[in-house]
Amino acid sequence: WRKCLHPSKERFGRWTVEEDKRLKIAVTLFGPGAWKKICGFIPGRTQVQCRE
């Protein structure tokens, strides 16, 4: 339902340098496997995008 209500909030395509840095920090903070928390740290990216 999120995609229907806020289609512009989800980002597609290549990750920016800033997003990549935030992903590395989030994995360090929350641990690998805490994808719900990790994706909350990176606005516009889904759990699947963070995991892959």
PDB file of N, CA and C in Angstrom:
ATOM      1  N   TRP A   1       0.810  -1.199   0.000  1.00  0.00           N
ATOM      2  CA  TRP A   1       0.000   0.000   0.000  1.00  0.00           C
ATOM      3  C   TRP A   1       0.849   1.257   0.000  1.00  0.00           C
ATOM      4  N   ARG A   2       2.052   1.167   0.547  1.00  0.00           N
ATOM      5  CA  ARG A   2       2.924   2.345   0.571  1.00  0.00           C
ATOM      6  C   ARG A   2       3.234   2.848  -0.834  1.00  0.00           C
ATOM      7  N   LYS A   3       3.448   1.916  -1.743  1.00  0.00           N
ATOM      8  CA  LYS A   3       3.783   2.312  -3.106  1.00  0.00           C
ATOM      9  C   LYS A   3       2.626   3.055  -3.760  1.00  0.00           C
ATOM     10  N   CYS A   4       1.405   2.683  -3.399  1.00  0.00           N
ATOM     11  CA  CYS A   4       0.233   3.351  -3.963  1.00  0.00           C
ATOM     12  C   CYS A   4       0.052   4.745  -3.383  1.00  0.00           C
ATOM     13  N   LEU A   5       0.283   4.887  -2.084  1.00  0.00           N
ATOM     14  CA  LEU A   5       0.075   6.174  -1.433  1.00  0.00           C
ATOM     15  C   LEU A   5       1.229   7.144  -1.648  1.00  0.00           C
ATOM     16  N   HIS A   6       2.433   6.621  -1.656  1.00  0.00           N
ATOM     17  CA  HIS A   6       3.621   7.466  -1.771  1.00  0.00           C
ATOM     18  C   HIS A   6       4.602   6.896  -2.803  1.00  0.00           C
ATOM     19  N   PRO A   7       4.228   6.876  -4.067  1.00  0.00           N
ATOM     20  CA  PRO A   7       5.107   6.257  -5.056  1.00  0.00           C
ATOM     21  C   PRO A   7       6.448   6.963  -5.207  1.00  0.00           C
ATOM     22  N   SER A   8       6.524   8.244  -4.923  1.00  0.00           N
ATOM     23  CA  SER A   8       7.777   8.971  -5.112  1.00  0.00           C
ATOM     24  C   SER A   8       8.737   8.788  -3.942  1.00  0.00           C
ATOM     25  N   LYS A   9       8.284   8.203  -2.847  1.00  0.00           N
ATOM     26  CA  LYS A   9       9.131   8.037  -1.671  1.00  0.00           C
ATOM     27  C   LYS A   9      10.112   6.886  -1.835  1.00  0.00           C
ATOM     28  N   GLU A  10       9.793   5.910  -2.667  1.00  0.00           N
ATOM     29  CA  GLU A  10      10.681   4.775  -2.871  1.00  0.00           C
ATOM     30  C   GLU A  10      11.653   5.088  -3.999  1.00  0.00           C
ATOM     31  N   ARG A  11      12.926   4.887  -3.724  1.00  0.00           N
ATOM     32  CA  ARG A  11      13.952   5.175  -4.720  1.00  0.00           C
ATOM     33  C   ARG A  11      14.290   3.921  -5.508  1.00  0.00           C
ATOM     34  N   PHE A  12      14.655   4.122  -6.757  1.00  0.00           N
ATOM     35  CA  PHE A  12      15.053   3.032  -7.629  1.00  0.00           C
ATOM     36  C   PHE A  12      16.422   3.344  -8.207  1.00  0.00           C
ATOM     37  N   GLY A  13      17.054   2.329  -8.746  1.00  0.00           N
ATOM     38  CA  GLY A  13      18.323   2.542  -9.429  1.00  0.00           C
ATOM     39  C   GLY A  13      19.525   2.489  -8.508  1.00  0.00           C
ATOM     40  N   ARG A  14      20.606   3.038  -9.019  1.00  0.00           N
ATOM     41  CA  ARG A  14      21.881   2.986  -8.306  1.00  0.00           C
ATOM     42  C   ARG A  14      21.816   3.745  -6.994  1.00  0.00           C
ATOM     43  N   TRP A  15      22.574   3.254  -6.046  1.00  0.00           N
ATOM     44  CA  TRP A  15      22.662   3.896  -4.739  1.00  0.00           C
ATOM     45  C   TRP A  15      23.654   5.044  -4.807  1.00  0.00           C
ATOM     46  N   THR A  16      23.358   6.097  -4.074  1.00  0.00           N
ATOM     47  CA  THR A  16      24.291   7.215  -3.992  1.00  0.00           C
ATOM     48  C   THR A  16      25.400   6.850  -3.008  1.00  0.00           C
ATOM     49  N   VAL A  17      26.470   7.605  -3.032  1.00  0.00           N
ATOM     50  CA  VAL A  17      27.576   7.393  -2.097  1.00  0.00           C
ATOM     51  C   VAL A  17      27.075   7.567  -0.662  1.00  0.00           C
ATOM     52  N   GLU A  18      26.231   8.565  -0.442  1.00  0.00           N
ATOM     53  CA  GLU A  18      25.677   8.820   0.891  1.00  0.00           C
ATOM     54  C   GLU A  18      24.822   7.647   1.378  1.00  0.00           C
ATOM     55  N   GLU A  19      23.985   7.092   0.495  1.00  0.00           N
ATOM     56  CA  GLU A  19      23.156   5.946   0.874  1.00  0.00           C
ATOM     57  C   GLU A  19      24.019   4.743   1.223  1.00  0.00           C
ATOM     58  N   ASP A  20      25.076   4.529   0.458  1.00  0.00           N
ATOM     59  CA  ASP A  20      25.986   3.415   0.711  1.00  0.00           C
ATOM     60  C   ASP A  20      26.654   3.563   2.080  1.00  0.00           C
ATOM     61  N   LYS A  21      27.074   4.775   2.405  1.00  0.00           N
ATOM     62  CA  LYS A  21      27.682   5.032   3.715  1.00  0.00           C
ATOM     63  C   LYS A  21      26.676   4.770   4.828  1.00  0.00           C
ATOM     64  N   ARG A  22      25.442   5.248   4.643  1.00  0.00           N
ATOM     65  CA  ARG A  22      24.404   5.052   5.661  1.00  0.00           C
ATOM     66  C   ARG A  22      24.090   3.567   5.847  1.00  0.00           C
ATOM     67  N   LEU A  23      24.107   2.801   4.763  1.00  0.00           N
ATOM     68  CA  LEU A  23      23.866   1.362   4.854  1.00  0.00           C
ATOM     69  C   LEU A  23      24.947   0.695   5.700  1.00  0.00           C
ATOM     70  N   LYS A  24      26.193   1.027   5.439  1.00  0.00           N
ATOM     71  CA  LYS A  24      27.301   0.436   6.201  1.00  0.00           C
ATOM     72  C   LYS A  24      27.205   0.795   7.683  1.00  0.00           C
ATOM     73  N   ILE A  25      26.863   2.035   7.970  1.00  0.00           N
ATOM     74  CA  ILE A  25      26.714   2.471   9.364  1.00  0.00           C
ATOM     75  C   ILE A  25      25.556   1.724  10.025  1.00  0.00           C
ATOM     76  N   ALA A  26      24.433   1.606   9.320  1.00  0.00           N
ATOM     77  CA  ALA A  26      23.252   0.944   9.879  1.00  0.00           C
ATOM     78  C   ALA A  26      23.517  -0.529  10.168  1.00  0.00           C
ATOM     79  N   VAL A  27      24.225  -1.210   9.278  1.00  0.00           N
ATOM     80  CA  VAL A  27      24.549  -2.623   9.508  1.00  0.00           C
ATOM     81  C   VAL A  27      25.459  -2.751  10.725  1.00  0.00           C
ATOM     82  N   THR A  28      26.390  -1.823  10.882  1.00  0.00           N
ATOM     83  CA  THR A  28      27.269  -1.834  12.049  1.00  0.00           C
ATOM     84  C   THR A  28      26.471  -1.599  13.333  1.00  0.00           C
ATOM     85  N   LEU A  29      25.536  -0.659  13.298  1.00  0.00           N
ATOM     86  CA  LEU A  29      24.740  -0.330  14.484  1.00  0.00           C
ATOM     87  C   LEU A  29      23.743  -1.425  14.861  1.00  0.00           C
ATOM     88  N   PHE A  30      23.007  -1.926  13.873  1.00  0.00           N
ATOM     89  CA  PHE A  30      21.898  -2.834  14.140  1.00  0.00           C
ATOM     90  C   PHE A  30      22.232  -4.305  13.920  1.00  0.00           C
ATOM     91  N   GLY A  31      23.328  -4.583  13.235  1.00  0.00           N
ATOM     92  CA  GLY A  31      23.719  -5.951  12.943  1.00  0.00           C
ATOM     93  C   GLY A  31      23.092  -6.457  11.658  1.00  0.00           C
ATOM     94  N   PRO A  32      23.783  -7.386  10.996  1.00  0.00           N
ATOM     95  CA  PRO A  32      23.239  -7.943   9.762  1.00  0.00           C
ATOM     96  C   PRO A  32      21.980  -8.749  10.067  1.00  0.00           C
ATOM     97  N   GLY A  33      20.965  -8.545   9.279  1.00  0.00           N
ATOM     98  CA  GLY A  33      19.712  -9.262   9.475  1.00  0.00           C
ATOM     99  C   GLY A  33      18.601  -8.413  10.067  1.00  0.00           C
ATOM    100  N   ALA A  34      18.924  -7.256  10.595  1.00  0.00           N
ATOM    101  CA  ALA A  34      17.903  -6.362  11.167  1.00  0.00           C
ATOM    102  C   ALA A  34      17.434  -5.397  10.084  1.00  0.00           C
ATOM    103  N   TRP A  35      16.915  -5.952   9.001  1.00  0.00           N
ATOM    104  CA  TRP A  35      16.646  -5.153   7.800  1.00  0.00           C
ATOM    105  C   TRP A  35      15.557  -4.119   7.990  1.00  0.00           C
ATOM    106  N   LYS A  36      14.596  -4.377   8.850  1.00  0.00           N
ATOM    107  CA  LYS A  36      13.541  -3.389   9.090  1.00  0.00           C
ATOM    108  C   LYS A  36      14.139  -2.130   9.716  1.00  0.00           C
ATOM    109  N   LYS A  37      15.010  -2.312  10.696  1.00  0.00           N
ATOM    110  CA  LYS A  37      15.671  -1.174  11.340  1.00  0.00           C
ATOM    111  C   LYS A  37      16.636  -0.501  10.374  1.00  0.00           C
ATOM    112  N   ILE A  38      17.371  -1.316   9.627  1.00  0.00           N
ATOM    113  CA  ILE A  38      18.363  -0.781   8.690  1.00  0.00           C
ATOM    114  C   ILE A  38      17.690   0.067   7.622  1.00  0.00           C
ATOM    115  N   CYS A  39      16.612  -0.428   7.032  1.00  0.00           N
ATOM    116  CA  CYS A  39      15.964   0.344   5.964  1.00  0.00           C
ATOM    117  C   CYS A  39      15.315   1.610   6.513  1.00  0.00           C
ATOM    118  N   GLY A  40      14.958   1.624   7.789  1.00  0.00           N
ATOM    119  CA  GLY A  40      14.439   2.838   8.407  1.00  0.00           C
ATOM    120  C   GLY A  40      15.496   3.920   8.529  1.00  0.00           C
ATOM    121  N   PHE A  41      16.750   3.517   8.512  1.00  0.00           N
ATOM    122  CA  PHE A  41      17.889   4.425   8.609  1.00  0.00           C
ATOM    123  C   PHE A  41      18.227   5.039   7.247  1.00  0.00           C
ATOM    124  N   ILE A  42      17.680   4.437   6.174  1.00  0.00           N
ATOM    125  CA  ILE A  42      17.967   4.893   4.813  1.00  0.00           C
ATOM    126  C   ILE A  42      16.646   5.254   4.133  1.00  0.00           C
ATOM    127  N   PRO A  43      16.234   6.515   4.203  1.00  0.00           N
ATOM    128  CA  PRO A  43      14.945   6.927   3.638  1.00  0.00           C
ATOM    129  C   PRO A  43      14.826   6.601   2.149  1.00  0.00           C
ATOM    130  N   GLY A  44      13.685   6.046   1.771  1.00  0.00           N
ATOM    131  CA  GLY A  44      13.414   5.776   0.368  1.00  0.00           C
ATOM    132  C   GLY A  44      13.849   4.411  -0.116  1.00  0.00           C
ATOM    133  N   ARG A  45      14.532   3.644   0.723  1.00  0.00           N
ATOM    134  CA  ARG A  45      14.968   2.301   0.329  1.00  0.00           C
ATOM    135  C   ARG A  45      14.189   1.258   1.113  1.00  0.00           C
ATOM    136  N   THR A  46      13.826   0.176   0.433  1.00  0.00           N
ATOM    137  CA  THR A  46      13.053  -0.888   1.066  1.00  0.00           C
ATOM    138  C   THR A  46      13.979  -1.891   1.743  1.00  0.00           C
ATOM    139  N   GLN A  47      13.376  -2.795   2.513  1.00  0.00           N
ATOM    140  CA  GLN A  47      14.154  -3.847   3.161  1.00  0.00           C
ATOM    141  C   GLN A  47      14.860  -4.714   2.127  1.00  0.00           C
ATOM    142  N   VAL A  48      14.167  -5.020   1.054  1.00  0.00           N
ATOM    143  CA  VAL A  48      14.750  -5.860  -0.002  1.00  0.00           C
ATOM    144  C   VAL A  48      15.945  -5.158  -0.639  1.00  0.00           C
ATOM    145  N   GLN A  49      15.818  -3.868  -0.917  1.00  0.00           N
ATOM    146  CA  GLN A  49      16.924  -3.124  -1.515  1.00  0.00           C
ATOM    147  C   GLN A  49      18.125  -3.089  -0.574  1.00  0.00           C
ATOM    148  N   CYS A  50      17.877  -2.935   0.706  1.00  0.00           N
ATOM    149  CA  CYS A  50      18.973  -2.897   1.675  1.00  0.00           C
ATOM    150  C   CYS A  50      19.645  -4.259   1.793  1.00  0.00           C
ATOM    151  N   ARG A  51      18.848  -5.309   1.770  1.00  0.00           N
ATOM    152  CA  ARG A  51      19.377  -6.662   1.921  1.00  0.00           C
ATOM    153  C   ARG A  51      20.206  -7.083   0.717  1.00  0.00           C
ATOM    154  N   GLU A  52      19.780  -6.701  -0.469  1.00  0.00           N
ATOM    155  CA  GLU A  52      20.473  -7.129  -1.681  1.00  0.00           C
ATOM    156  C   GLU A  52      21.597  -6.187  -1.981  1.00  0.00           C
TER     157      GLU A  52
END
